[in-house]
Amino acid sequence: MGLVLCVTVIPEALLLAGMAANASLPALAVAGAVTGGAGTLHLNIWTSFLQEAIPEEQLSRTLATNATIGSLLVPVAYAVAGPLADVVGVRVVLAGCGAIVLAGAGAAVCMREVRQLATAAMPSKACEGDP
């Protein structure tokens, strides 16, 4: 599961690289569709993992915190990317963002715990309390 989570961000990096390279509209449309599908898969796997890994009494708080942090980072990214694009250019910022996405996925894949992450390794909640 950990590898799948890392791989599902690659289409986003490719879409950003395509925009930076001024790819054709049909190519960007396909890349955007693949990115959307991969992002949906990523979100479903991550949420399912959290539902298995986090105790039920802490799950809503954990999911809310995860969503809040992700949502708060969007305006911060806009506030940084806009002025940076004015200084170095839009294509450089797009390419840099693609590189950041790939670097993050690459760093995560380098961790053995991420590569070996699987739901089968998780203790089943249904078995908790069973003799």
N, C-alpha and C. Protein backbone atom coordinates (compact mmCIF):
# COMPACT_ATOMS: atom_id res chain seq x y z
N MET A 1 0.81 -1.18 0.00
CA MET A 1 0.00 0.00 0.00
C MET A 1 0.87 1.26 0.00
N GLY A 2 1.97 1.24 0.73
CA GLY A 2 2.84 2.41 0.78
C GLY A 2 3.39 2.79 -0.59
N LEU A 3 3.79 1.77 -1.36
CA LEU A 3 4.29 2.05 -2.71
C LEU A 3 3.21 2.65 -3.60
N VAL A 4 2.00 2.12 -3.48
CA VAL A 4 0.90 2.65 -4.30
C VAL A 4 0.65 4.11 -3.95
N LEU A 5 0.68 4.44 -2.66
CA LEU A 5 0.49 5.83 -2.25
C LEU A 5 1.56 6.74 -2.86
N CYS A 6 2.79 6.25 -2.92
CA CYS A 6 3.88 7.05 -3.50
C CYS A 6 3.75 7.17 -5.02
N VAL A 7 3.36 6.09 -5.66
CA VAL A 7 3.25 6.09 -7.12
C VAL A 7 2.09 6.96 -7.61
N THR A 8 1.02 7.04 -6.83
CA THR A 8 -0.15 7.79 -7.29
C THR A 8 0.08 9.30 -7.37
N VAL A 9 1.20 9.79 -6.86
CA VAL A 9 1.48 11.23 -7.00
C VAL A 9 2.29 11.54 -8.26
N ILE A 10 2.83 10.51 -8.90
CA ILE A 10 3.65 10.73 -10.09
C ILE A 10 2.88 11.42 -11.22
N PRO A 11 1.61 11.05 -11.50
CA PRO A 11 0.90 11.78 -12.57
C PRO A 11 0.80 13.27 -12.32
N GLU A 12 0.70 13.68 -11.05
CA GLU A 12 0.66 15.12 -10.76
C GLU A 12 1.96 15.79 -11.18
N ALA A 13 3.08 15.14 -10.90
CA ALA A 13 4.38 15.68 -11.30
C ALA A 13 4.48 15.75 -12.83
N LEU A 14 3.96 14.73 -13.50
CA LEU A 14 4.00 14.73 -14.97
C LEU A 14 3.11 15.83 -15.54
N LEU A 15 1.95 16.07 -14.92
CA LEU A 15 1.08 17.15 -15.37
C LEU A 15 1.78 18.50 -15.21
N LEU A 16 2.41 18.71 -14.07
CA LEU A 16 3.14 19.96 -13.84
C LEU A 16 4.28 20.12 -14.84
N ALA A 17 5.00 19.02 -15.10
CA ALA A 17 6.09 19.07 -16.08
C ALA A 17 5.55 19.36 -17.48
N GLY A 18 4.40 18.78 -17.80
CA GLY A 18 3.78 19.04 -19.10
C GLY A 18 3.38 20.50 -19.26
N MET A 19 2.84 21.08 -18.19
CA MET A 19 2.49 22.51 -18.25
C MET A 19 3.75 23.36 -18.37
N ALA A 20 4.80 22.97 -17.65
CA ALA A 20 6.05 23.72 -17.72
C ALA A 20 6.66 23.65 -19.12
N ALA A 21 6.48 22.51 -19.78
CA ALA A 21 7.05 22.31 -21.11
C ALA A 21 6.13 22.80 -22.22
N ASN A 22 5.00 23.40 -21.85
CA ASN A 22 4.04 23.90 -22.83
C ASN A 22 3.52 22.78 -23.73
N ALA A 23 3.14 21.66 -23.13
CA ALA A 23 2.61 20.52 -23.87
C ALA A 23 1.28 20.91 -24.52
N SER A 24 0.86 20.12 -25.47
CA SER A 24 -0.39 20.41 -26.19
C SER A 24 -1.59 20.23 -25.26
N LEU A 25 -2.68 20.87 -25.61
CA LEU A 25 -3.88 20.79 -24.80
C LEU A 25 -4.39 19.35 -24.66
N PRO A 26 -4.45 18.56 -25.73
CA PRO A 26 -4.89 17.16 -25.55
C PRO A 26 -4.00 16.37 -24.60
N ALA A 27 -2.69 16.59 -24.67
CA ALA A 27 -1.78 15.89 -23.75
C ALA A 27 -2.02 16.32 -22.32
N LEU A 28 -2.24 17.61 -22.11
CA LEU A 28 -2.52 18.10 -20.76
C LEU A 28 -3.87 17.60 -20.26
N ALA A 29 -4.85 17.48 -21.16
CA ALA A 29 -6.16 16.96 -20.75
C ALA A 29 -6.05 15.51 -20.29
N VAL A 30 -5.29 14.72 -21.02
CA VAL A 30 -5.09 13.32 -20.63
C VAL A 30 -4.33 13.26 -19.31
N ALA A 31 -3.28 14.06 -19.20
CA ALA A 31 -2.50 14.08 -17.96
C ALA A 31 -3.36 14.54 -16.78
N GLY A 32 -4.23 15.50 -17.02
CA GLY A 32 -5.13 15.97 -15.97
C GLY A 32 -6.12 14.90 -15.53
N ALA A 33 -6.65 14.16 -16.50
CA ALA A 33 -7.59 13.08 -16.18
C ALA A 33 -6.90 11.98 -15.39
N VAL A 34 -5.69 11.62 -15.82
CA VAL A 34 -4.93 10.58 -15.10
C VAL A 34 -4.58 11.07 -13.70
N THR A 35 -4.21 12.33 -13.58
CA THR A 35 -3.89 12.91 -12.27
C THR A 35 -5.11 12.87 -11.36
N GLY A 36 -6.27 13.22 -11.89
CA GLY A 36 -7.49 13.17 -11.09
C GLY A 36 -7.81 11.77 -10.61
N GLY A 37 -7.68 10.80 -11.50
CA GLY A 37 -7.93 9.41 -11.12
C GLY A 37 -6.94 8.92 -10.08
N ALA A 38 -5.67 9.24 -10.29
CA ALA A 38 -4.64 8.82 -9.33
C ALA A 38 -4.83 9.50 -7.99
N GLY A 39 -5.23 10.77 -8.00
CA GLY A 39 -5.48 11.48 -6.76
C GLY A 39 -6.65 10.89 -5.99
N THR A 40 -7.69 10.49 -6.72
CA THR A 40 -8.83 9.84 -6.08
C THR A 40 -8.43 8.51 -5.47
N LEU A 41 -7.65 7.73 -6.20
CA LEU A 41 -7.16 6.46 -5.67
C LEU A 41 -6.31 6.69 -4.42
N HIS A 42 -5.43 7.68 -4.49
CA HIS A 42 -4.57 8.02 -3.35
C HIS A 42 -5.42 8.36 -2.11
N LEU A 43 -6.41 9.22 -2.30
CA LEU A 43 -7.26 9.65 -1.19
C LEU A 43 -8.03 8.47 -0.59
N ASN A 44 -8.55 7.60 -1.45
CA ASN A 44 -9.29 6.43 -0.95
C ASN A 44 -8.40 5.48 -0.17
N ILE A 45 -7.21 5.22 -0.68
CA ILE A 45 -6.29 4.32 0.02
C ILE A 45 -5.86 4.93 1.35
N TRP A 46 -5.50 6.21 1.34
CA TRP A 46 -5.03 6.88 2.56
C TRP A 46 -6.14 6.90 3.62
N THR A 47 -7.35 7.25 3.22
CA THR A 47 -8.45 7.30 4.18
C THR A 47 -8.76 5.91 4.71
N SER A 48 -8.74 4.92 3.85
CA SER A 48 -8.98 3.54 4.30
C SER A 48 -7.90 3.09 5.28
N PHE A 49 -6.65 3.44 4.97
CA PHE A 49 -5.56 3.09 5.88
C PHE A 49 -5.76 3.74 7.24
N LEU A 50 -6.10 5.02 7.25
CA LEU A 50 -6.32 5.70 8.52
C LEU A 50 -7.45 5.06 9.31
N GLN A 51 -8.50 4.63 8.60
CA GLN A 51 -9.62 3.99 9.28
C GLN A 51 -9.21 2.68 9.93
N GLU A 52 -8.24 2.01 9.35
CA GLU A 52 -7.75 0.76 9.94
C GLU A 52 -6.72 1.01 11.04
N ALA A 53 -5.90 2.03 10.86
CA ALA A 53 -4.76 2.24 11.76
C ALA A 53 -5.08 3.06 13.00
N ILE A 54 -6.06 3.93 12.93
CA ILE A 54 -6.35 4.85 14.03
C ILE A 54 -7.52 4.30 14.84
N PRO A 55 -7.39 4.29 16.15
CA PRO A 55 -8.52 3.83 16.98
C PRO A 55 -9.77 4.67 16.71
N GLU A 56 -10.92 4.03 16.78
CA GLU A 56 -12.18 4.66 16.43
C GLU A 56 -12.44 5.96 17.19
N GLU A 57 -12.07 6.00 18.45
CA GLU A 57 -12.33 7.20 19.25
C GLU A 57 -11.44 8.38 18.86
N GLN A 58 -10.40 8.15 18.08
CA GLN A 58 -9.51 9.22 17.63
C GLN A 58 -9.63 9.49 16.13
N LEU A 59 -10.41 8.67 15.44
CA LEU A 59 -10.46 8.75 13.98
C LEU A 59 -11.00 10.07 13.46
N SER A 60 -12.11 10.55 13.98
CA SER A 60 -12.68 11.79 13.44
C SER A 60 -11.74 12.97 13.64
N ARG A 61 -11.09 13.02 14.79
CA ARG A 61 -10.14 14.11 15.04
C ARG A 61 -8.94 14.01 14.10
N THR A 62 -8.46 12.79 13.86
CA THR A 62 -7.32 12.59 12.97
C THR A 62 -7.67 12.97 11.53
N LEU A 63 -8.84 12.52 11.05
CA LEU A 63 -9.26 12.87 9.69
C LEU A 63 -9.48 14.38 9.54
N ALA A 64 -10.06 15.00 10.56
CA ALA A 64 -10.29 16.45 10.51
C ALA A 64 -8.97 17.21 10.49
N THR A 65 -8.02 16.77 11.31
CA THR A 65 -6.71 17.43 11.34
C THR A 65 -6.00 17.26 10.01
N ASN A 66 -6.06 16.07 9.44
CA ASN A 66 -5.45 15.80 8.13
C ASN A 66 -6.04 16.71 7.06
N ALA A 67 -7.36 16.82 7.03
CA ALA A 67 -8.03 17.67 6.03
C ALA A 67 -7.73 19.14 6.26
N THR A 68 -7.71 19.56 7.51
CA THR A 68 -7.45 20.97 7.82
C THR A 68 -6.05 21.38 7.41
N ILE A 69 -5.07 20.57 7.75
CA ILE A 69 -3.69 20.90 7.38
C ILE A 69 -3.55 20.97 5.87
N GLY A 70 -4.13 19.98 5.17
CA GLY A 70 -4.07 19.99 3.70
C GLY A 70 -4.74 21.22 3.11
N SER A 71 -5.87 21.62 3.68
CA SER A 71 -6.59 22.79 3.17
C SER A 71 -5.86 24.09 3.48
N LEU A 72 -5.24 24.17 4.63
CA LEU A 72 -4.53 25.39 5.01
C LEU A 72 -3.27 25.61 4.18
N LEU A 73 -2.69 24.53 3.67
CA LEU A 73 -1.47 24.68 2.89
C LEU A 73 -1.73 25.23 1.48
N VAL A 74 -2.95 25.10 0.98
CA VAL A 74 -3.25 25.59 -0.37
C VAL A 74 -3.05 27.10 -0.49
N PRO A 75 -3.66 27.93 0.37
CA PRO A 75 -3.41 29.37 0.23
C PRO A 75 -1.96 29.76 0.48
N VAL A 76 -1.29 29.02 1.34
CA VAL A 76 0.14 29.29 1.58
C VAL A 76 0.92 29.04 0.29
N ALA A 77 0.61 27.93 -0.37
CA ALA A 77 1.29 27.62 -1.63
C ALA A 77 1.00 28.69 -2.69
N TYR A 78 -0.25 29.15 -2.75
CA TYR A 78 -0.59 30.22 -3.70
C TYR A 78 0.18 31.50 -3.38
N ALA A 79 0.26 31.82 -2.10
CA ALA A 79 0.95 33.04 -1.68
C ALA A 79 2.43 33.00 -2.02
N VAL A 80 3.01 31.82 -2.03
CA VAL A 80 4.43 31.68 -2.37
C VAL A 80 4.61 31.57 -3.88
N ALA A 81 3.77 30.76 -4.54
CA ALA A 81 3.95 30.48 -5.97
C ALA A 81 3.73 31.72 -6.84
N GLY A 82 2.73 32.53 -6.49
CA GLY A 82 2.44 33.71 -7.31
C GLY A 82 3.61 34.67 -7.41
N PRO A 83 4.10 35.19 -6.28
CA PRO A 83 5.25 36.10 -6.35
C PRO A 83 6.50 35.44 -6.92
N LEU A 84 6.69 34.15 -6.61
CA LEU A 84 7.86 33.45 -7.15
C LEU A 84 7.79 33.35 -8.67
N ALA A 85 6.58 33.14 -9.20
CA ALA A 85 6.41 33.08 -10.65
C ALA A 85 6.72 34.43 -11.30
N ASP A 86 6.41 35.51 -10.60
CA ASP A 86 6.74 36.84 -11.12
C ASP A 86 8.26 37.03 -11.21
N VAL A 87 8.98 36.43 -10.28
CA VAL A 87 10.43 36.61 -10.23
C VAL A 87 11.15 35.69 -11.20
N VAL A 88 10.82 34.38 -11.18
CA VAL A 88 11.59 33.42 -11.98
C VAL A 88 10.84 32.90 -13.19
N GLY A 89 9.54 33.13 -13.27
CA GLY A 89 8.75 32.68 -14.41
C GLY A 89 7.83 31.53 -14.04
N VAL A 90 6.70 31.49 -14.71
CA VAL A 90 5.68 30.48 -14.43
C VAL A 90 6.20 29.07 -14.72
N ARG A 91 6.85 28.91 -15.84
CA ARG A 91 7.32 27.57 -16.22
C ARG A 91 8.35 27.02 -15.22
N VAL A 92 9.20 27.87 -14.72
CA VAL A 92 10.19 27.43 -13.73
C VAL A 92 9.49 26.99 -12.44
N VAL A 93 8.47 27.74 -12.03
CA VAL A 93 7.74 27.38 -10.82
C VAL A 93 6.99 26.07 -11.03
N LEU A 94 6.36 25.89 -12.20
CA LEU A 94 5.67 24.63 -12.48
C LEU A 94 6.64 23.45 -12.46
N ALA A 95 7.78 23.61 -13.09
CA ALA A 95 8.79 22.55 -13.10
C ALA A 95 9.30 22.28 -11.69
N GLY A 96 9.51 23.35 -10.93
CA GLY A 96 9.97 23.19 -9.56
C GLY A 96 8.95 22.46 -8.69
N CYS A 97 7.68 22.78 -8.88
CA CYS A 97 6.63 22.09 -8.12
C CYS A 97 6.58 20.61 -8.49
N GLY A 98 6.74 20.31 -9.77
CA GLY A 98 6.80 18.91 -10.19
C GLY A 98 7.98 18.19 -9.56
N ALA A 99 9.10 18.87 -9.49
CA ALA A 99 10.29 18.28 -8.86
C ALA A 99 10.07 18.06 -7.36
N ILE A 100 9.38 18.97 -6.71
CA ILE A 100 9.08 18.81 -5.28
C ILE A 100 8.18 17.60 -5.06
N VAL A 101 7.19 17.43 -5.92
CA VAL A 101 6.30 16.27 -5.81
C VAL A 101 7.09 14.97 -5.95
N LEU A 102 7.95 14.91 -6.98
CA LEU A 102 8.76 13.70 -7.18
C LEU A 102 9.75 13.48 -6.04
N ALA A 103 10.34 14.55 -5.54
CA ALA A 103 11.28 14.42 -4.43
C ALA A 103 10.59 13.90 -3.18
N GLY A 104 9.40 14.38 -2.92
CA GLY A 104 8.65 13.91 -1.77
C GLY A 104 8.30 12.44 -1.88
N ALA A 105 7.83 12.03 -3.06
CA ALA A 105 7.51 10.61 -3.28
C ALA A 105 8.77 9.76 -3.20
N GLY A 106 9.86 10.26 -3.77
CA GLY A 106 11.13 9.52 -3.72
C GLY A 106 11.65 9.36 -2.31
N ALA A 107 11.54 10.43 -1.52
CA ALA A 107 11.98 10.35 -0.12
C ALA A 107 11.13 9.35 0.66
N ALA A 108 9.83 9.35 0.40
CA ALA A 108 8.95 8.41 1.11
C ALA A 108 9.27 6.98 0.72
N VAL A 109 9.52 6.74 -0.56
CA VAL A 109 9.83 5.38 -1.03
C VAL A 109 11.14 4.88 -0.43
N CYS A 110 12.04 5.77 -0.12
CA CYS A 110 13.32 5.37 0.48
C CYS A 110 13.17 4.83 1.90
N MET A 111 12.04 5.07 2.51
CA MET A 111 11.82 4.59 3.88
C MET A 111 11.23 3.18 3.84
N ARG A 112 11.91 2.25 4.49
CA ARG A 112 11.46 0.85 4.50
C ARG A 112 10.04 0.73 5.07
N GLU A 113 9.73 1.53 6.09
CA GLU A 113 8.41 1.47 6.71
C GLU A 113 7.32 1.82 5.71
N VAL A 114 7.60 2.74 4.81
CA VAL A 114 6.62 3.13 3.79
C VAL A 114 6.50 2.02 2.76
N ARG A 115 7.62 1.50 2.29
CA ARG A 115 7.58 0.43 1.28
C ARG A 115 6.85 -0.80 1.79
N GLN A 116 6.96 -1.09 3.07
CA GLN A 116 6.36 -2.29 3.63
C GLN A 116 4.97 -2.05 4.22
N LEU A 117 4.46 -0.85 4.09
CA LEU A 117 3.16 -0.52 4.64
C LEU A 117 2.08 -1.33 3.94
N ALA A 118 1.30 -2.04 4.72
CA ALA A 118 0.21 -2.84 4.16
C ALA A 118 -0.86 -3.00 5.22
N THR A 119 -2.09 -3.12 4.78
CA THR A 119 -3.18 -3.30 5.73
C THR A 119 -3.11 -4.67 6.39
N ALA A 120 -2.55 -5.65 5.73
CA ALA A 120 -2.47 -6.99 6.30
C ALA A 120 -1.60 -7.00 7.55
N ALA A 121 -0.68 -6.05 7.67
CA ALA A 121 0.19 -5.99 8.83
C ALA A 121 -0.49 -5.32 10.02
N MET A 122 -1.64 -4.70 9.78
CA MET A 122 -2.34 -3.99 10.83
C MET A 122 -3.15 -4.98 11.68
N PRO A 123 -3.18 -4.79 12.98
CA PRO A 123 -4.05 -5.65 13.80
C PRO A 123 -5.51 -5.33 13.48
N SER A 124 -6.31 -6.34 13.40
CA SER A 124 -7.72 -6.16 13.08
C SER A 124 -8.47 -5.57 14.27
N LYS A 125 -9.26 -4.52 14.04
CA LYS A 125 -10.05 -3.93 15.11
C LYS A 125 -11.13 -4.90 15.59
N ALA A 126 -11.61 -5.75 14.67
CA ALA A 126 -12.67 -6.68 15.02
C ALA A 126 -12.18 -7.69 16.05
N CYS A 127 -10.89 -7.93 16.09
CA CYS A 127 -10.33 -8.91 17.01
C CYS A 127 -9.97 -8.31 18.36
N GLU A 128 -10.02 -7.00 18.49
CA GLU A 128 -9.68 -6.37 19.76
C GLU A 128 -10.64 -6.83 20.84
N GLY A 129 -10.12 -7.22 21.94
CA GLY A 129 -10.95 -7.64 23.05
C GLY A 129 -11.38 -9.09 22.99
N ASP A 130 -11.15 -9.76 21.85
CA ASP A 130 -11.48 -11.19 21.76
C ASP A 130 -10.47 -11.97 22.56
N PRO A 131 -10.92 -13.05 23.26
CA PRO A 131 -9.97 -13.85 24.03
C PRO A 131 -9.03 -14.64 23.16
